[in-house]
Amino acid sequence: MADGGRKHRVLIVEDEDNIAIALDYLMSREGYDHDRIANGAEAIGAIRRTHPDLVLLDVMLPEVSGYEICQEVRADDSLRDVKILMMTARGSALERRKGLALGADGFIAKPFELKELREEVQRLLQHAGGAA
C-alpha cells in the first residue's frame, strides 16, 4: 500500500490471457489497484491517462513491442516516476540487457514463479513515489 493509504496502481500490459489472469489474481491478492491492456498500441495512452506506479510490461505484444513502449515512457518526463517491470518468454541475458538499457526497472523471465514476481513487484513499489 502506498503512503497515505492510497493503493499502488499497477497496469498490466499482457496479450496472453492465461498469464494476464495469473497477474490479475496476484495483484488482487496483494491489494493493488490494477487494470489490463492486451495491445501494445493502447499501452502508452493508458499509461499517460492512469499514471500507474508500476507497469508489468510484456516484451512481445501485438502492434507495438514492450521495448518501444518502455522507450517512449522513458522519453516522457511526466512519466519518469513510473516503474517498469518487463516480462518475456525469451529470458536471455541479451534480452535483459536490452530492456534495462531502454530504462526498465526490472526484468523477469516467463514462466515465472508467483513468489518471484511478488517479490520483484514489492521491491519496485517500495521506491514508487505515490504521486498521482
N, C-alpha and C. Protein backbone atom coordinates (compact mmCIF):
# COMPACT_ATOMS: atom_id res chain seq x y z
N MET A 1 0.84 -1.18 0.00
CA MET A 1 0.00 0.00 0.00
C MET A 1 0.88 1.23 0.00
N ALA A 2 0.50 2.21 -0.75
CA ALA A 2 1.29 3.43 -0.88
C ALA A 2 1.11 4.30 0.36
N ASP A 3 1.96 5.29 0.49
CA ASP A 3 1.86 6.23 1.60
C ASP A 3 0.50 6.91 1.59
N GLY A 4 0.01 7.28 2.77
CA GLY A 4 -1.26 7.99 2.86
C GLY A 4 -2.46 7.09 2.63
N GLY A 5 -2.27 5.79 2.63
CA GLY A 5 -3.38 4.87 2.50
C GLY A 5 -3.82 4.60 1.07
N ARG A 6 -3.25 5.30 0.10
CA ARG A 6 -3.62 5.06 -1.30
C ARG A 6 -2.98 3.77 -1.78
N LYS A 7 -3.78 2.97 -2.45
CA LYS A 7 -3.25 1.73 -3.01
C LYS A 7 -2.34 2.05 -4.20
N HIS A 8 -1.29 1.25 -4.35
CA HIS A 8 -0.46 1.38 -5.54
C HIS A 8 -1.28 0.96 -6.75
N ARG A 9 -1.05 1.66 -7.86
CA ARG A 9 -1.73 1.33 -9.11
C ARG A 9 -0.76 0.60 -10.02
N VAL A 10 -1.25 -0.51 -10.57
CA VAL A 10 -0.44 -1.35 -11.46
C VAL A 10 -1.19 -1.50 -12.77
N LEU A 11 -0.49 -1.28 -13.89
CA LEU A 11 -1.06 -1.53 -15.20
C LEU A 11 -0.39 -2.76 -15.78
N ILE A 12 -1.19 -3.75 -16.12
CA ILE A 12 -0.70 -4.99 -16.73
C ILE A 12 -0.83 -4.84 -18.24
N VAL A 13 0.28 -4.97 -18.96
CA VAL A 13 0.26 -4.91 -20.43
C VAL A 13 0.71 -6.29 -20.90
N GLU A 14 -0.26 -7.15 -21.18
CA GLU A 14 -0.02 -8.57 -21.47
C GLU A 14 -1.10 -9.07 -22.40
N ASP A 15 -0.70 -9.68 -23.52
CA ASP A 15 -1.69 -10.14 -24.50
C ASP A 15 -2.11 -11.59 -24.29
N GLU A 16 -1.38 -12.37 -23.51
CA GLU A 16 -1.75 -13.77 -23.28
C GLU A 16 -2.69 -13.86 -22.08
N ASP A 17 -3.93 -14.32 -22.36
CA ASP A 17 -4.96 -14.33 -21.33
C ASP A 17 -4.57 -15.14 -20.09
N ASN A 18 -3.96 -16.32 -20.30
CA ASN A 18 -3.65 -17.15 -19.13
C ASN A 18 -2.64 -16.46 -18.21
N ILE A 19 -1.68 -15.76 -18.76
CA ILE A 19 -0.71 -15.03 -17.94
C ILE A 19 -1.39 -13.82 -17.30
N ALA A 20 -2.21 -13.12 -18.06
CA ALA A 20 -2.92 -11.95 -17.53
C ALA A 20 -3.82 -12.34 -16.36
N ILE A 21 -4.46 -13.50 -16.44
CA ILE A 21 -5.33 -13.97 -15.36
C ILE A 21 -4.50 -14.21 -14.10
N ALA A 22 -3.34 -14.83 -14.25
CA ALA A 22 -2.46 -15.07 -13.09
C ALA A 22 -1.99 -13.74 -12.50
N LEU A 23 -1.62 -12.80 -13.35
CA LEU A 23 -1.17 -11.48 -12.87
C LEU A 23 -2.31 -10.74 -12.17
N ASP A 24 -3.51 -10.82 -12.75
CA ASP A 24 -4.69 -10.19 -12.16
C ASP A 24 -4.95 -10.76 -10.77
N TYR A 25 -4.87 -12.08 -10.65
CA TYR A 25 -5.08 -12.74 -9.37
C TYR A 25 -4.06 -12.26 -8.33
N LEU A 26 -2.81 -12.23 -8.73
CA LEU A 26 -1.75 -11.81 -7.81
C LEU A 26 -1.92 -10.35 -7.39
N MET A 27 -2.20 -9.47 -8.33
CA MET A 27 -2.37 -8.05 -8.00
C MET A 27 -3.57 -7.84 -7.07
N SER A 28 -4.65 -8.59 -7.31
CA SER A 28 -5.83 -8.51 -6.42
C SER A 28 -5.47 -8.99 -5.03
N ARG A 29 -4.79 -10.12 -4.97
CA ARG A 29 -4.43 -10.70 -3.67
C ARG A 29 -3.49 -9.79 -2.88
N GLU A 30 -2.63 -9.07 -3.59
CA GLU A 30 -1.68 -8.17 -2.93
C GLU A 30 -2.32 -6.82 -2.58
N GLY A 31 -3.55 -6.60 -3.05
CA GLY A 31 -4.26 -5.37 -2.70
C GLY A 31 -3.95 -4.17 -3.56
N TYR A 32 -3.45 -4.39 -4.77
CA TYR A 32 -3.14 -3.28 -5.67
C TYR A 32 -4.35 -2.95 -6.54
N ASP A 33 -4.54 -1.67 -6.84
CA ASP A 33 -5.49 -1.27 -7.89
C ASP A 33 -4.80 -1.63 -9.20
N HIS A 34 -5.52 -2.27 -10.10
CA HIS A 34 -4.87 -2.67 -11.34
C HIS A 34 -5.85 -2.72 -12.49
N ASP A 35 -5.27 -2.66 -13.68
CA ASP A 35 -6.04 -2.75 -14.92
C ASP A 35 -5.17 -3.48 -15.92
N ARG A 36 -5.78 -3.89 -17.03
CA ARG A 36 -5.03 -4.63 -18.03
C ARG A 36 -5.28 -4.07 -19.42
N ILE A 37 -4.21 -4.02 -20.20
CA ILE A 37 -4.25 -3.69 -21.62
C ILE A 37 -3.65 -4.90 -22.33
N ALA A 38 -4.29 -5.35 -23.42
CA ALA A 38 -3.79 -6.54 -24.13
C ALA A 38 -3.08 -6.20 -25.42
N ASN A 39 -2.99 -4.91 -25.75
CA ASN A 39 -2.46 -4.50 -27.03
C ASN A 39 -1.41 -3.41 -26.83
N GLY A 40 -0.25 -3.57 -27.43
CA GLY A 40 0.82 -2.61 -27.28
C GLY A 40 0.47 -1.21 -27.74
N ALA A 41 -0.36 -1.11 -28.77
CA ALA A 41 -0.71 0.19 -29.33
C ALA A 41 -1.51 1.04 -28.34
N GLU A 42 -2.23 0.41 -27.43
CA GLU A 42 -3.05 1.13 -26.45
C GLU A 42 -2.29 1.47 -25.18
N ALA A 43 -1.11 0.89 -25.01
CA ALA A 43 -0.41 0.98 -23.72
C ALA A 43 0.04 2.40 -23.36
N ILE A 44 0.66 3.11 -24.30
CA ILE A 44 1.17 4.45 -23.98
C ILE A 44 0.04 5.37 -23.54
N GLY A 45 -1.07 5.36 -24.27
CA GLY A 45 -2.21 6.20 -23.90
C GLY A 45 -2.73 5.85 -22.51
N ALA A 46 -2.80 4.55 -22.22
CA ALA A 46 -3.27 4.12 -20.91
C ALA A 46 -2.31 4.53 -19.80
N ILE A 47 -1.02 4.45 -20.07
CA ILE A 47 -0.02 4.84 -19.07
C ILE A 47 -0.11 6.34 -18.80
N ARG A 48 -0.25 7.13 -19.85
CA ARG A 48 -0.38 8.59 -19.67
C ARG A 48 -1.67 8.94 -18.94
N ARG A 49 -2.75 8.25 -19.26
CA ARG A 49 -4.06 8.53 -18.66
C ARG A 49 -4.12 8.14 -17.19
N THR A 50 -3.57 6.97 -16.85
CA THR A 50 -3.73 6.45 -15.48
C THR A 50 -2.53 6.70 -14.59
N HIS A 51 -1.38 7.02 -15.18
CA HIS A 51 -0.12 7.25 -14.46
C HIS A 51 0.07 6.22 -13.33
N PRO A 52 0.22 4.94 -13.70
CA PRO A 52 0.36 3.90 -12.67
C PRO A 52 1.70 4.00 -11.96
N ASP A 53 1.77 3.41 -10.78
CA ASP A 53 3.04 3.33 -10.05
C ASP A 53 3.97 2.33 -10.72
N LEU A 54 3.36 1.27 -11.30
CA LEU A 54 4.13 0.19 -11.90
C LEU A 54 3.43 -0.32 -13.15
N VAL A 55 4.22 -0.60 -14.19
CA VAL A 55 3.70 -1.24 -15.40
C VAL A 55 4.36 -2.62 -15.49
N LEU A 56 3.54 -3.67 -15.52
CA LEU A 56 4.03 -5.02 -15.81
C LEU A 56 3.92 -5.15 -17.32
N LEU A 57 5.06 -5.14 -18.00
CA LEU A 57 5.09 -4.95 -19.45
C LEU A 57 5.67 -6.16 -20.17
N ASP A 58 4.82 -6.83 -20.94
CA ASP A 58 5.28 -7.94 -21.78
C ASP A 58 6.14 -7.37 -22.91
N VAL A 59 7.17 -8.10 -23.32
CA VAL A 59 8.03 -7.63 -24.40
C VAL A 59 7.35 -7.83 -25.75
N MET A 60 6.78 -9.01 -25.97
CA MET A 60 6.19 -9.32 -27.28
C MET A 60 4.68 -9.08 -27.23
N LEU A 61 4.27 -7.97 -27.84
CA LEU A 61 2.87 -7.55 -27.85
C LEU A 61 2.42 -7.29 -29.28
N PRO A 62 1.10 -7.37 -29.53
CA PRO A 62 0.61 -7.00 -30.86
C PRO A 62 0.84 -5.52 -31.13
N GLU A 63 1.24 -5.19 -32.33
CA GLU A 63 1.37 -3.85 -32.88
C GLU A 63 2.59 -3.06 -32.40
N VAL A 64 2.79 -2.92 -31.10
CA VAL A 64 3.92 -2.16 -30.56
C VAL A 64 4.60 -3.02 -29.50
N SER A 65 5.91 -3.17 -29.58
CA SER A 65 6.61 -4.04 -28.63
C SER A 65 6.78 -3.38 -27.27
N GLY A 66 7.00 -4.20 -26.27
CA GLY A 66 7.27 -3.70 -24.93
C GLY A 66 8.50 -2.81 -24.90
N TYR A 67 9.51 -3.13 -25.72
CA TYR A 67 10.71 -2.30 -25.79
C TYR A 67 10.37 -0.89 -26.26
N GLU A 68 9.52 -0.80 -27.30
CA GLU A 68 9.13 0.52 -27.81
C GLU A 68 8.34 1.30 -26.76
N ILE A 69 7.46 0.60 -26.06
CA ILE A 69 6.65 1.25 -25.02
C ILE A 69 7.56 1.76 -23.90
N CYS A 70 8.50 0.93 -23.47
CA CYS A 70 9.44 1.31 -22.42
C CYS A 70 10.22 2.56 -22.84
N GLN A 71 10.71 2.55 -24.06
CA GLN A 71 11.49 3.67 -24.58
C GLN A 71 10.66 4.95 -24.60
N GLU A 72 9.40 4.84 -25.02
CA GLU A 72 8.54 6.02 -25.09
C GLU A 72 8.19 6.55 -23.70
N VAL A 73 7.94 5.65 -22.76
CA VAL A 73 7.67 6.09 -21.38
C VAL A 73 8.88 6.82 -20.82
N ARG A 74 10.07 6.27 -21.04
CA ARG A 74 11.29 6.89 -20.51
C ARG A 74 11.61 8.22 -21.18
N ALA A 75 11.11 8.45 -22.39
CA ALA A 75 11.33 9.72 -23.08
C ALA A 75 10.38 10.81 -22.60
N ASP A 76 9.37 10.45 -21.81
CA ASP A 76 8.35 11.39 -21.33
C ASP A 76 8.66 11.76 -19.88
N ASP A 77 9.11 12.98 -19.66
CA ASP A 77 9.49 13.43 -18.31
C ASP A 77 8.35 13.31 -17.30
N SER A 78 7.12 13.48 -17.76
CA SER A 78 5.99 13.43 -16.82
C SER A 78 5.74 12.01 -16.30
N LEU A 79 6.38 11.01 -16.93
CA LEU A 79 6.21 9.61 -16.52
C LEU A 79 7.47 9.04 -15.87
N ARG A 80 8.41 9.89 -15.53
CA ARG A 80 9.71 9.39 -15.03
C ARG A 80 9.60 8.57 -13.75
N ASP A 81 8.53 8.79 -12.96
CA ASP A 81 8.39 8.04 -11.71
C ASP A 81 7.66 6.71 -11.89
N VAL A 82 7.19 6.42 -13.10
CA VAL A 82 6.51 5.15 -13.36
C VAL A 82 7.56 4.04 -13.44
N LYS A 83 7.40 3.00 -12.62
CA LYS A 83 8.32 1.86 -12.64
C LYS A 83 7.87 0.89 -13.72
N ILE A 84 8.84 0.25 -14.38
CA ILE A 84 8.52 -0.71 -15.44
C ILE A 84 9.21 -2.04 -15.13
N LEU A 85 8.41 -3.09 -15.05
CA LEU A 85 8.92 -4.45 -14.91
C LEU A 85 8.61 -5.18 -16.21
N MET A 86 9.64 -5.47 -16.99
CA MET A 86 9.45 -6.15 -18.27
C MET A 86 9.40 -7.66 -18.05
N MET A 87 8.56 -8.31 -18.86
CA MET A 87 8.38 -9.76 -18.77
C MET A 87 8.54 -10.34 -20.17
N THR A 88 9.30 -11.45 -20.28
CA THR A 88 9.44 -12.07 -21.59
C THR A 88 9.68 -13.56 -21.47
N ALA A 89 9.20 -14.29 -22.46
CA ALA A 89 9.48 -15.73 -22.54
C ALA A 89 10.89 -15.96 -23.05
N ARG A 90 11.46 -14.93 -23.69
CA ARG A 90 12.84 -15.03 -24.18
C ARG A 90 13.75 -14.38 -23.15
N GLY A 91 14.02 -15.10 -22.07
CA GLY A 91 14.73 -14.52 -20.94
C GLY A 91 16.24 -14.56 -21.05
N SER A 92 16.78 -14.36 -22.22
CA SER A 92 18.24 -14.40 -22.39
C SER A 92 18.88 -13.17 -21.76
N ALA A 93 20.17 -13.27 -21.51
CA ALA A 93 20.92 -12.14 -20.95
C ALA A 93 20.86 -10.94 -21.89
N LEU A 94 20.88 -11.20 -23.20
CA LEU A 94 20.81 -10.11 -24.17
C LEU A 94 19.48 -9.36 -24.07
N GLU A 95 18.38 -10.11 -23.97
CA GLU A 95 17.06 -9.50 -23.84
C GLU A 95 17.00 -8.66 -22.56
N ARG A 96 17.52 -9.20 -21.49
CA ARG A 96 17.53 -8.50 -20.20
C ARG A 96 18.32 -7.19 -20.31
N ARG A 97 19.51 -7.27 -20.89
CA ARG A 97 20.35 -6.06 -21.03
C ARG A 97 19.64 -5.01 -21.88
N LYS A 98 18.98 -5.46 -22.95
CA LYS A 98 18.28 -4.53 -23.83
C LYS A 98 17.16 -3.81 -23.06
N GLY A 99 16.37 -4.58 -22.32
CA GLY A 99 15.28 -3.99 -21.54
C GLY A 99 15.77 -3.00 -20.50
N LEU A 100 16.81 -3.37 -19.79
CA LEU A 100 17.36 -2.48 -18.76
C LEU A 100 18.02 -1.25 -19.40
N ALA A 101 18.66 -1.43 -20.55
CA ALA A 101 19.28 -0.31 -21.25
C ALA A 101 18.24 0.70 -21.73
N LEU A 102 17.04 0.23 -22.05
CA LEU A 102 15.97 1.11 -22.51
C LEU A 102 15.24 1.78 -21.35
N GLY A 103 15.61 1.40 -20.12
CA GLY A 103 15.04 2.09 -18.96
C GLY A 103 14.12 1.27 -18.08
N ALA A 104 14.00 -0.02 -18.34
CA ALA A 104 13.18 -0.86 -17.45
C ALA A 104 13.82 -0.89 -16.07
N ASP A 105 12.99 -0.96 -15.04
CA ASP A 105 13.48 -1.02 -13.66
C ASP A 105 13.74 -2.45 -13.21
N GLY A 106 13.16 -3.40 -13.93
CA GLY A 106 13.36 -4.80 -13.61
C GLY A 106 13.00 -5.63 -14.83
N PHE A 107 13.39 -6.90 -14.78
CA PHE A 107 13.18 -7.79 -15.92
C PHE A 107 12.95 -9.18 -15.35
N ILE A 108 11.90 -9.85 -15.79
CA ILE A 108 11.60 -11.18 -15.28
C ILE A 108 11.27 -12.10 -16.45
N ALA A 109 11.81 -13.33 -16.41
CA ALA A 109 11.58 -14.29 -17.49
C ALA A 109 10.32 -15.10 -17.22
N LYS A 110 9.57 -15.35 -18.29
CA LYS A 110 8.39 -16.22 -18.20
C LYS A 110 8.81 -17.62 -18.61
N PRO A 111 8.26 -18.66 -18.04
CA PRO A 111 7.30 -18.60 -16.93
C PRO A 111 8.02 -18.23 -15.64
N PHE A 112 7.34 -17.48 -14.79
CA PHE A 112 7.93 -17.07 -13.53
C PHE A 112 7.14 -17.67 -12.39
N GLU A 113 7.80 -17.79 -11.26
CA GLU A 113 7.12 -18.22 -10.04
C GLU A 113 6.39 -16.99 -9.49
N LEU A 114 5.17 -17.18 -8.99
CA LEU A 114 4.42 -16.06 -8.44
C LEU A 114 5.18 -15.41 -7.28
N LYS A 115 5.88 -16.22 -6.50
CA LYS A 115 6.66 -15.68 -5.37
C LYS A 115 7.74 -14.73 -5.88
N GLU A 116 8.42 -15.13 -6.95
CA GLU A 116 9.48 -14.31 -7.54
C GLU A 116 8.90 -12.99 -8.06
N LEU A 117 7.76 -13.07 -8.74
CA LEU A 117 7.12 -11.88 -9.27
C LEU A 117 6.66 -10.97 -8.13
N ARG A 118 6.04 -11.55 -7.13
CA ARG A 118 5.55 -10.76 -5.99
C ARG A 118 6.70 -10.00 -5.33
N GLU A 119 7.83 -10.66 -5.14
CA GLU A 119 8.99 -10.02 -4.52
C GLU A 119 9.53 -8.88 -5.38
N GLU A 120 9.56 -9.08 -6.68
CA GLU A 120 10.06 -8.04 -7.59
C GLU A 120 9.10 -6.84 -7.60
N VAL A 121 7.79 -7.10 -7.63
CA VAL A 121 6.79 -6.03 -7.59
C VAL A 121 6.94 -5.23 -6.30
N GLN A 122 7.06 -5.93 -5.18
CA GLN A 122 7.21 -5.25 -3.89
C GLN A 122 8.48 -4.41 -3.86
N ARG A 123 9.58 -4.95 -4.40
CA ARG A 123 10.84 -4.22 -4.44
C ARG A 123 10.69 -2.91 -5.21
N LEU A 124 10.05 -2.99 -6.38
CA LEU A 124 9.89 -1.80 -7.21
C LEU A 124 8.94 -0.79 -6.58
N LEU A 125 7.88 -1.27 -5.96
CA LEU A 125 6.90 -0.36 -5.38
C LEU A 125 7.39 0.29 -4.08
N GLN A 126 8.38 -0.31 -3.43
CA GLN A 126 8.96 0.33 -2.25
C GLN A 126 9.54 1.69 -2.61
N HIS A 127 9.99 1.81 -3.85
CA HIS A 127 10.63 3.03 -4.30
C HIS A 127 9.70 3.91 -5.13
N ALA A 128 8.44 3.50 -5.24
CA ALA A 128 7.48 4.31 -6.02
C ALA A 128 7.07 5.52 -5.20
N GLY A 129 7.01 6.64 -5.86
CA GLY A 129 6.73 7.90 -5.17
C GLY A 129 5.31 8.05 -4.66
N GLY A 130 4.36 7.39 -5.32
CA GLY A 130 2.96 7.53 -4.90
C GLY A 130 2.34 8.84 -5.34
N ALA A 131 3.01 9.62 -6.16
CA ALA A 131 2.45 10.88 -6.65
C ALA A 131 1.44 10.56 -7.74
N ALA A 132 0.31 11.22 -7.68
CA ALA A 132 -0.72 10.95 -8.68
C ALA A 132 -1.09 12.22 -9.41
